[in-house]
Amino acid sequence: MRSCPLLVLILSAGPLAAQSADSVLAPLVPKSSMVRLRMQGTEMTGRLLALTSGVATLGTEAGNRTATLASVDSIWVRGHATKTGAIVGGIVGTVIGAVLVGVAVDALCEVDCDNAGFEGAVVGGALGLGAGGLLGAGIGALIPKWRLRFP
């Protein structure tokens, strides 16, 4: 009779532990990050100062406050909108660059102009993608954005 190692592995595996706020906060949130904890209708926002045995200590405007992570409903971490800015800037830059350069090349072309407008639009779109993406990422880096980390 042939044994099936996968079946043995599945049958011998224990139950999976549920995802807890403690297991999420420790690896995903570096100390000194801005964190927002929501617990039974209340909210606490501040810098993460310490995380020890299921208790988070936040430095808030009112001073240091602690929260038991077992009572936390959601964890939010403040970051920046760099990626969103780059995407929006890239799209807008592509459209504007393609239209402006395509029209300019088509209007200024004097010899062999069969595809000049299209070729100009392709080049302008590529340049606009790069420039708009960089500009959008720079603007997005200035905009704070809260991201849900738990649940």
N, C-alpha and C. Protein backbone atom coordinates (compact mmCIF):
# COMPACT_ATOMS: atom_id res chain seq x y z
N MET A 1 0.84 -1.18 0.00
CA MET A 1 0.00 0.00 0.00
C MET A 1 0.89 1.25 0.00
N ARG A 2 0.51 2.25 -0.77
CA ARG A 2 1.27 3.49 -0.88
C ARG A 2 0.77 4.51 0.13
N SER A 3 1.71 5.15 0.81
CA SER A 3 1.29 6.19 1.76
C SER A 3 1.30 7.54 1.05
N CYS A 4 0.49 8.41 1.51
CA CYS A 4 0.38 9.74 0.91
C CYS A 4 0.90 10.77 1.91
N PRO A 5 2.09 11.31 1.68
CA PRO A 5 2.65 12.27 2.63
C PRO A 5 1.78 13.51 2.82
N LEU A 6 1.11 13.96 1.75
CA LEU A 6 0.26 15.14 1.87
C LEU A 6 -0.91 14.87 2.80
N LEU A 7 -1.52 13.69 2.70
CA LEU A 7 -2.64 13.34 3.56
C LEU A 7 -2.19 13.27 5.02
N VAL A 8 -1.02 12.70 5.25
CA VAL A 8 -0.49 12.62 6.61
C VAL A 8 -0.26 14.03 7.16
N LEU A 9 0.28 14.91 6.33
CA LEU A 9 0.54 16.27 6.75
C LEU A 9 -0.76 17.00 7.09
N ILE A 10 -1.77 16.83 6.27
CA ILE A 10 -3.05 17.49 6.50
C ILE A 10 -3.71 16.98 7.77
N LEU A 11 -3.69 15.67 7.97
CA LEU A 11 -4.34 15.10 9.14
C LEU A 11 -3.60 15.41 10.44
N SER A 12 -2.29 15.62 10.35
CA SER A 12 -1.53 15.88 11.57
C SER A 12 -1.43 17.36 11.90
N ALA A 13 -1.87 18.23 11.00
CA ALA A 13 -1.79 19.66 11.26
C ALA A 13 -2.81 20.06 12.31
N GLY A 14 -2.40 20.96 13.19
CA GLY A 14 -3.29 21.47 14.22
C GLY A 14 -4.16 22.57 13.67
N PRO A 15 -5.06 23.08 14.48
CA PRO A 15 -5.93 24.16 14.03
C PRO A 15 -5.13 25.44 13.81
N LEU A 16 -5.56 26.22 12.86
CA LEU A 16 -4.88 27.48 12.56
C LEU A 16 -5.28 28.53 13.59
N ALA A 17 -4.32 29.30 14.03
CA ALA A 17 -4.60 30.37 14.98
C ALA A 17 -5.26 31.53 14.24
N ALA A 18 -6.23 32.15 14.89
CA ALA A 18 -6.90 33.28 14.28
C ALA A 18 -5.95 34.47 14.25
N GLN A 19 -6.13 35.34 13.28
CA GLN A 19 -5.30 36.52 13.18
C GLN A 19 -5.68 37.47 14.31
N SER A 20 -4.69 37.89 15.07
CA SER A 20 -4.96 38.79 16.19
C SER A 20 -4.30 40.13 15.92
N ALA A 21 -4.74 41.14 16.66
CA ALA A 21 -4.17 42.47 16.51
C ALA A 21 -2.69 42.46 16.86
N ASP A 22 -2.32 41.66 17.85
CA ASP A 22 -0.92 41.58 18.27
C ASP A 22 -0.04 41.01 17.16
N SER A 23 -0.52 39.96 16.48
CA SER A 23 0.26 39.35 15.41
C SER A 23 0.36 40.25 14.19
N VAL A 24 -0.58 41.16 14.00
CA VAL A 24 -0.54 42.09 12.87
C VAL A 24 0.34 43.29 13.18
N LEU A 25 0.21 43.82 14.39
CA LEU A 25 0.89 45.06 14.72
C LEU A 25 2.41 44.89 14.79
N ALA A 26 2.88 43.80 15.35
CA ALA A 26 4.32 43.63 15.55
C ALA A 26 5.13 43.62 14.25
N PRO A 27 4.80 42.77 13.26
CA PRO A 27 5.66 42.74 12.07
C PRO A 27 5.39 43.86 11.05
N LEU A 28 4.20 44.42 11.04
CA LEU A 28 3.84 45.36 9.99
C LEU A 28 4.02 46.83 10.36
N VAL A 29 4.17 47.12 11.63
CA VAL A 29 4.21 48.51 12.04
C VAL A 29 5.51 48.78 12.78
N PRO A 30 6.43 49.50 12.15
CA PRO A 30 7.66 49.83 12.86
C PRO A 30 7.39 50.81 13.99
N LYS A 31 8.22 50.76 15.02
CA LYS A 31 8.06 51.70 16.12
C LYS A 31 8.21 53.12 15.60
N SER A 32 7.56 54.02 16.24
CA SER A 32 7.49 55.45 15.93
C SER A 32 6.56 55.74 14.75
N SER A 33 5.83 54.74 14.25
CA SER A 33 4.83 54.98 13.22
C SER A 33 3.59 55.60 13.84
N MET A 34 2.89 56.41 13.05
CA MET A 34 1.60 56.94 13.50
C MET A 34 0.57 55.83 13.35
N VAL A 35 -0.14 55.55 14.45
CA VAL A 35 -1.08 54.43 14.49
C VAL A 35 -2.40 54.94 15.03
N ARG A 36 -3.50 54.41 14.50
CA ARG A 36 -4.84 54.69 15.01
C ARG A 36 -5.47 53.37 15.41
N LEU A 37 -5.81 53.24 16.69
CA LEU A 37 -6.46 52.03 17.20
C LEU A 37 -7.91 52.36 17.50
N ARG A 38 -8.82 51.49 17.05
CA ARG A 38 -10.25 51.66 17.35
C ARG A 38 -10.69 50.50 18.22
N MET A 39 -11.36 50.86 19.33
CA MET A 39 -11.81 49.86 20.30
C MET A 39 -13.20 50.23 20.78
N GLN A 40 -14.17 49.39 20.60
CA GLN A 40 -15.54 49.56 21.09
C GLN A 40 -16.02 51.01 21.07
N GLY A 41 -15.93 51.64 19.92
CA GLY A 41 -16.46 52.98 19.77
C GLY A 41 -15.50 54.10 20.15
N THR A 42 -14.35 53.79 20.71
CA THR A 42 -13.37 54.83 21.02
C THR A 42 -12.20 54.71 20.06
N GLU A 43 -11.43 55.78 19.98
CA GLU A 43 -10.31 55.82 19.05
C GLU A 43 -9.10 56.44 19.75
N MET A 44 -7.93 55.88 19.46
CA MET A 44 -6.69 56.40 20.02
C MET A 44 -5.69 56.54 18.89
N THR A 45 -5.14 57.75 18.72
CA THR A 45 -4.17 58.01 17.66
C THR A 45 -2.89 58.57 18.26
N GLY A 46 -1.76 58.01 17.84
CA GLY A 46 -0.47 58.50 18.31
C GLY A 46 0.66 57.69 17.74
N ARG A 47 1.87 58.03 18.15
CA ARG A 47 3.07 57.29 17.71
C ARG A 47 3.21 56.03 18.54
N LEU A 48 3.52 54.91 17.86
CA LEU A 48 3.74 53.66 18.56
C LEU A 48 5.08 53.74 19.27
N LEU A 49 5.04 53.69 20.61
CA LEU A 49 6.26 53.79 21.41
C LEU A 49 6.77 52.42 21.82
N ALA A 50 5.84 51.53 22.19
CA ALA A 50 6.25 50.20 22.65
C ALA A 50 5.13 49.20 22.38
N LEU A 51 5.54 47.95 22.22
CA LEU A 51 4.60 46.85 22.03
C LEU A 51 5.12 45.68 22.84
N THR A 52 4.46 45.41 23.97
CA THR A 52 4.90 44.32 24.84
C THR A 52 3.71 43.50 25.30
N SER A 53 3.82 42.22 25.17
CA SER A 53 2.84 41.22 25.63
C SER A 53 1.39 41.66 25.49
N GLY A 54 1.01 42.01 24.27
CA GLY A 54 -0.39 42.32 23.97
C GLY A 54 -0.83 43.71 24.37
N VAL A 55 0.09 44.59 24.72
CA VAL A 55 -0.25 45.96 25.10
C VAL A 55 0.56 46.92 24.23
N ALA A 56 -0.14 47.85 23.62
CA ALA A 56 0.52 48.87 22.81
C ALA A 56 0.55 50.17 23.59
N THR A 57 1.69 50.84 23.56
CA THR A 57 1.82 52.16 24.19
C THR A 57 1.98 53.18 23.08
N LEU A 58 1.07 54.16 23.09
CA LEU A 58 1.08 55.22 22.08
C LEU A 58 1.40 56.55 22.74
N GLY A 59 2.22 57.34 22.06
CA GLY A 59 2.46 58.70 22.50
C GLY A 59 1.45 59.60 21.83
N THR A 60 0.48 60.08 22.59
CA THR A 60 -0.58 60.93 22.04
C THR A 60 -0.35 62.37 22.48
N GLU A 61 -1.20 63.28 22.00
CA GLU A 61 -1.10 64.68 22.41
C GLU A 61 -1.36 64.84 23.90
N ALA A 62 -2.16 63.94 24.46
CA ALA A 62 -2.49 64.01 25.89
C ALA A 62 -1.47 63.27 26.75
N GLY A 63 -0.43 62.72 26.15
CA GLY A 63 0.56 61.96 26.90
C GLY A 63 0.56 60.51 26.45
N ASN A 64 1.33 59.68 27.12
CA ASN A 64 1.40 58.26 26.77
C ASN A 64 0.14 57.54 27.22
N ARG A 65 -0.42 56.73 26.31
CA ARG A 65 -1.62 55.94 26.63
C ARG A 65 -1.37 54.50 26.20
N THR A 66 -1.97 53.57 26.93
CA THR A 66 -1.82 52.15 26.59
C THR A 66 -3.16 51.58 26.18
N ALA A 67 -3.10 50.53 25.37
CA ALA A 67 -4.30 49.84 24.91
C ALA A 67 -4.01 48.35 24.87
N THR A 68 -4.94 47.57 25.36
CA THR A 68 -4.83 46.12 25.28
C THR A 68 -5.24 45.72 23.87
N LEU A 69 -4.37 45.01 23.17
CA LEU A 69 -4.62 44.68 21.77
C LEU A 69 -5.76 43.68 21.60
N ALA A 70 -6.10 42.95 22.64
CA ALA A 70 -7.23 42.01 22.54
C ALA A 70 -8.54 42.76 22.34
N SER A 71 -8.61 44.01 22.79
CA SER A 71 -9.84 44.79 22.66
C SER A 71 -9.89 45.65 21.41
N VAL A 72 -8.85 45.58 20.58
CA VAL A 72 -8.77 46.43 19.39
C VAL A 72 -9.63 45.85 18.27
N ASP A 73 -10.49 46.70 17.69
CA ASP A 73 -11.33 46.31 16.56
C ASP A 73 -10.61 46.49 15.23
N SER A 74 -9.85 47.59 15.11
CA SER A 74 -9.13 47.85 13.87
C SER A 74 -7.85 48.62 14.15
N ILE A 75 -6.86 48.40 13.29
CA ILE A 75 -5.57 49.09 13.37
C ILE A 75 -5.33 49.79 12.04
N TRP A 76 -5.08 51.08 12.12
CA TRP A 76 -4.79 51.89 10.95
C TRP A 76 -3.39 52.46 11.10
N VAL A 77 -2.62 52.50 10.02
CA VAL A 77 -1.27 53.03 10.02
C VAL A 77 -1.19 54.15 8.99
N ARG A 78 -0.59 55.28 9.39
CA ARG A 78 -0.50 56.41 8.47
C ARG A 78 0.73 56.26 7.58
N GLY A 79 0.48 56.40 6.31
CA GLY A 79 1.56 56.37 5.32
C GLY A 79 1.40 57.56 4.39
N HIS A 80 1.80 57.39 3.16
CA HIS A 80 1.70 58.47 2.18
C HIS A 80 1.07 57.93 0.90
N ALA A 81 0.51 58.82 0.10
CA ALA A 81 -0.20 58.45 -1.12
C ALA A 81 0.72 58.50 -2.34
N THR A 82 1.96 58.05 -2.18
CA THR A 82 2.95 58.11 -3.26
C THR A 82 2.53 57.28 -4.47
N LYS A 83 2.09 56.07 -4.23
CA LYS A 83 1.71 55.17 -5.33
C LYS A 83 0.49 55.72 -6.08
N THR A 84 -0.51 56.15 -5.34
CA THR A 84 -1.71 56.72 -5.97
C THR A 84 -1.35 57.95 -6.78
N GLY A 85 -0.50 58.81 -6.23
CA GLY A 85 -0.07 60.01 -6.95
C GLY A 85 0.67 59.69 -8.22
N ALA A 86 1.53 58.67 -8.17
CA ALA A 86 2.28 58.28 -9.36
C ALA A 86 1.36 57.75 -10.45
N ILE A 87 0.37 56.96 -10.07
CA ILE A 87 -0.57 56.40 -11.04
C ILE A 87 -1.39 57.51 -11.70
N VAL A 88 -1.97 58.38 -10.87
CA VAL A 88 -2.80 59.47 -11.41
C VAL A 88 -1.94 60.41 -12.25
N GLY A 89 -0.77 60.78 -11.75
CA GLY A 89 0.12 61.66 -12.51
C GLY A 89 0.56 61.05 -13.82
N GLY A 90 0.84 59.75 -13.82
CA GLY A 90 1.24 59.07 -15.05
C GLY A 90 0.14 59.06 -16.09
N ILE A 91 -1.08 58.81 -15.65
CA ILE A 91 -2.21 58.79 -16.60
C ILE A 91 -2.45 60.18 -17.17
N VAL A 92 -2.51 61.18 -16.31
CA VAL A 92 -2.75 62.55 -16.77
C VAL A 92 -1.60 63.02 -17.67
N GLY A 93 -0.37 62.75 -17.26
CA GLY A 93 0.80 63.14 -18.06
C GLY A 93 0.82 62.48 -19.43
N THR A 94 0.42 61.21 -19.49
CA THR A 94 0.38 60.51 -20.77
C THR A 94 -0.61 61.16 -21.74
N VAL A 95 -1.79 61.45 -21.24
CA VAL A 95 -2.82 62.06 -22.09
C VAL A 95 -2.38 63.44 -22.56
N ILE A 96 -1.94 64.27 -21.62
CA ILE A 96 -1.54 65.64 -21.98
C ILE A 96 -0.33 65.62 -22.92
N GLY A 97 0.67 64.81 -22.61
CA GLY A 97 1.86 64.73 -23.46
C GLY A 97 1.53 64.24 -24.86
N ALA A 98 0.68 63.22 -24.96
CA ALA A 98 0.33 62.67 -26.27
C ALA A 98 -0.41 63.70 -27.12
N VAL A 99 -1.36 64.40 -26.52
CA VAL A 99 -2.14 65.39 -27.27
C VAL A 99 -1.26 66.56 -27.69
N LEU A 100 -0.53 67.13 -26.73
CA LEU A 100 0.27 68.32 -27.05
C LEU A 100 1.36 68.04 -28.08
N VAL A 101 2.13 66.99 -27.87
CA VAL A 101 3.23 66.70 -28.79
C VAL A 101 2.69 66.21 -30.13
N GLY A 102 1.65 65.40 -30.11
CA GLY A 102 1.06 64.91 -31.36
C GLY A 102 0.55 66.04 -32.23
N VAL A 103 -0.17 66.99 -31.64
CA VAL A 103 -0.69 68.13 -32.39
C VAL A 103 0.44 69.03 -32.86
N ALA A 104 1.44 69.27 -32.02
CA ALA A 104 2.56 70.14 -32.39
C ALA A 104 3.37 69.54 -33.54
N VAL A 105 3.67 68.25 -33.47
CA VAL A 105 4.45 67.61 -34.53
C VAL A 105 3.66 67.60 -35.83
N ASP A 106 2.37 67.33 -35.74
CA ASP A 106 1.53 67.31 -36.94
C ASP A 106 1.47 68.69 -37.59
N ALA A 107 1.41 69.73 -36.78
CA ALA A 107 1.32 71.10 -37.32
C ALA A 107 2.65 71.58 -37.87
N LEU A 108 3.76 71.15 -37.28
CA LEU A 108 5.07 71.64 -37.70
C LEU A 108 5.74 70.79 -38.77
N CYS A 109 5.22 69.63 -39.06
CA CYS A 109 5.85 68.73 -40.02
C CYS A 109 5.69 69.30 -41.44
N GLU A 110 6.81 69.24 -42.22
CA GLU A 110 6.78 69.76 -43.57
C GLU A 110 7.04 68.71 -44.64
N VAL A 111 7.79 67.63 -44.27
CA VAL A 111 8.15 66.62 -45.25
C VAL A 111 7.81 65.24 -44.70
N ASP A 112 7.21 64.37 -45.54
CA ASP A 112 6.90 62.98 -45.16
C ASP A 112 6.11 62.93 -43.86
N CYS A 113 4.91 63.48 -43.87
CA CYS A 113 4.11 63.67 -42.65
C CYS A 113 2.98 62.66 -42.51
N ASP A 114 3.09 61.49 -43.13
CA ASP A 114 1.98 60.53 -43.09
C ASP A 114 1.58 60.14 -41.66
N ASN A 115 2.56 59.78 -40.84
CA ASN A 115 2.27 59.34 -39.48
C ASN A 115 2.92 60.25 -38.44
N ALA A 116 3.22 61.45 -38.79
CA ALA A 116 3.96 62.34 -37.89
C ALA A 116 3.17 62.63 -36.61
N GLY A 117 1.89 62.89 -36.74
CA GLY A 117 1.08 63.18 -35.56
C GLY A 117 1.01 62.00 -34.61
N PHE A 118 0.84 60.80 -35.18
CA PHE A 118 0.77 59.59 -34.36
C PHE A 118 2.10 59.32 -33.67
N GLU A 119 3.19 59.44 -34.44
CA GLU A 119 4.51 59.20 -33.85
C GLU A 119 4.82 60.23 -32.77
N GLY A 120 4.44 61.47 -33.00
CA GLY A 120 4.62 62.50 -31.98
C GLY A 120 3.81 62.22 -30.73
N ALA A 121 2.59 61.71 -30.93
CA ALA A 121 1.73 61.38 -29.80
C ALA A 121 2.32 60.24 -28.97
N VAL A 122 2.93 59.25 -29.63
CA VAL A 122 3.56 58.14 -28.91
C VAL A 122 4.73 58.63 -28.07
N VAL A 123 5.58 59.44 -28.68
CA VAL A 123 6.74 59.98 -27.96
C VAL A 123 6.27 60.90 -26.83
N GLY A 124 5.32 61.77 -27.13
CA GLY A 124 4.80 62.68 -26.10
C GLY A 124 4.12 61.94 -24.96
N GLY A 125 3.40 60.87 -25.29
CA GLY A 125 2.77 60.07 -24.24
C GLY A 125 3.79 59.41 -23.33
N ALA A 126 4.87 58.90 -23.94
CA ALA A 126 5.92 58.26 -23.13
C ALA A 126 6.61 59.28 -22.23
N LEU A 127 6.92 60.44 -22.77
CA LEU A 127 7.53 61.49 -21.96
C LEU A 127 6.58 61.98 -20.86
N GLY A 128 5.31 62.12 -21.22
CA GLY A 128 4.31 62.55 -20.24
C GLY A 128 4.10 61.53 -19.14
N LEU A 129 4.19 60.23 -19.49
CA LEU A 129 4.07 59.18 -18.48
C LEU A 129 5.17 59.30 -17.44
N GLY A 130 6.40 59.46 -17.90
CA GLY A 130 7.53 59.58 -16.97
C GLY A 130 7.45 60.85 -16.13
N ALA A 131 7.25 61.98 -16.79
CA ALA A 131 7.22 63.25 -16.07
C ALA A 131 6.00 63.34 -15.14
N GLY A 132 4.85 62.94 -15.63
CA GLY A 132 3.64 62.98 -14.80
C GLY A 132 3.71 62.02 -13.63
N GLY A 133 4.28 60.84 -13.88
CA GLY A 133 4.43 59.87 -12.79
C GLY A 133 5.33 60.37 -11.69
N LEU A 134 6.47 60.97 -12.07
CA LEU A 134 7.38 61.52 -11.07
C LEU A 134 6.76 62.68 -10.30
N LEU A 135 6.11 63.58 -11.02
CA LEU A 135 5.47 64.71 -10.37
C LEU A 135 4.34 64.24 -9.45
N GLY A 136 3.54 63.29 -9.92
CA GLY A 136 2.45 62.76 -9.10
C GLY A 136 2.95 62.04 -7.86
N ALA A 137 4.05 61.30 -8.00
CA ALA A 137 4.63 60.62 -6.83
C ALA A 137 5.13 61.63 -5.82
N GLY A 138 5.74 62.70 -6.30
CA GLY A 138 6.20 63.75 -5.39
C GLY A 138 5.07 64.42 -4.65
N ILE A 139 4.00 64.71 -5.34
CA ILE A 139 2.83 65.32 -4.70
C ILE A 139 2.18 64.32 -3.73
N GLY A 140 2.07 63.07 -4.17
CA GLY A 140 1.47 62.04 -3.31
C GLY A 140 2.26 61.80 -2.04
N ALA A 141 3.58 61.97 -2.10
CA ALA A 141 4.41 61.78 -0.91
C ALA A 141 4.11 62.82 0.16
N LEU A 142 3.54 63.94 -0.24
CA LEU A 142 3.19 65.00 0.71
C LEU A 142 1.82 64.79 1.34
N ILE A 143 1.04 63.87 0.81
CA ILE A 143 -0.34 63.67 1.28
C ILE A 143 -0.40 62.46 2.20
N PRO A 144 -0.83 62.65 3.47
CA PRO A 144 -0.95 61.50 4.37
C PRO A 144 -2.14 60.62 3.99
N LYS A 145 -1.98 59.31 4.21
CA LYS A 145 -3.05 58.37 3.87
C LYS A 145 -3.09 57.27 4.93
N TRP A 146 -4.25 57.03 5.50
CA TRP A 146 -4.40 55.98 6.51
C TRP A 146 -4.71 54.66 5.82
N ARG A 147 -4.01 53.60 6.24
CA ARG A 147 -4.21 52.27 5.66
C ARG A 147 -4.65 51.30 6.75
N LEU A 148 -5.70 50.55 6.46
CA LEU A 148 -6.21 49.55 7.39
C LEU A 148 -5.27 48.35 7.40
N ARG A 149 -4.77 47.96 8.57
CA ARG A 149 -3.88 46.81 8.71
C ARG A 149 -4.54 45.64 9.43
N PHE A 150 -5.57 45.92 10.22
CA PHE A 150 -6.29 44.87 10.94
C PHE A 150 -7.72 45.34 11.12
N PRO A 151 -8.73 44.60 10.88
CA PRO A 151 -8.77 43.17 10.58
C PRO A 151 -8.47 42.87 9.16
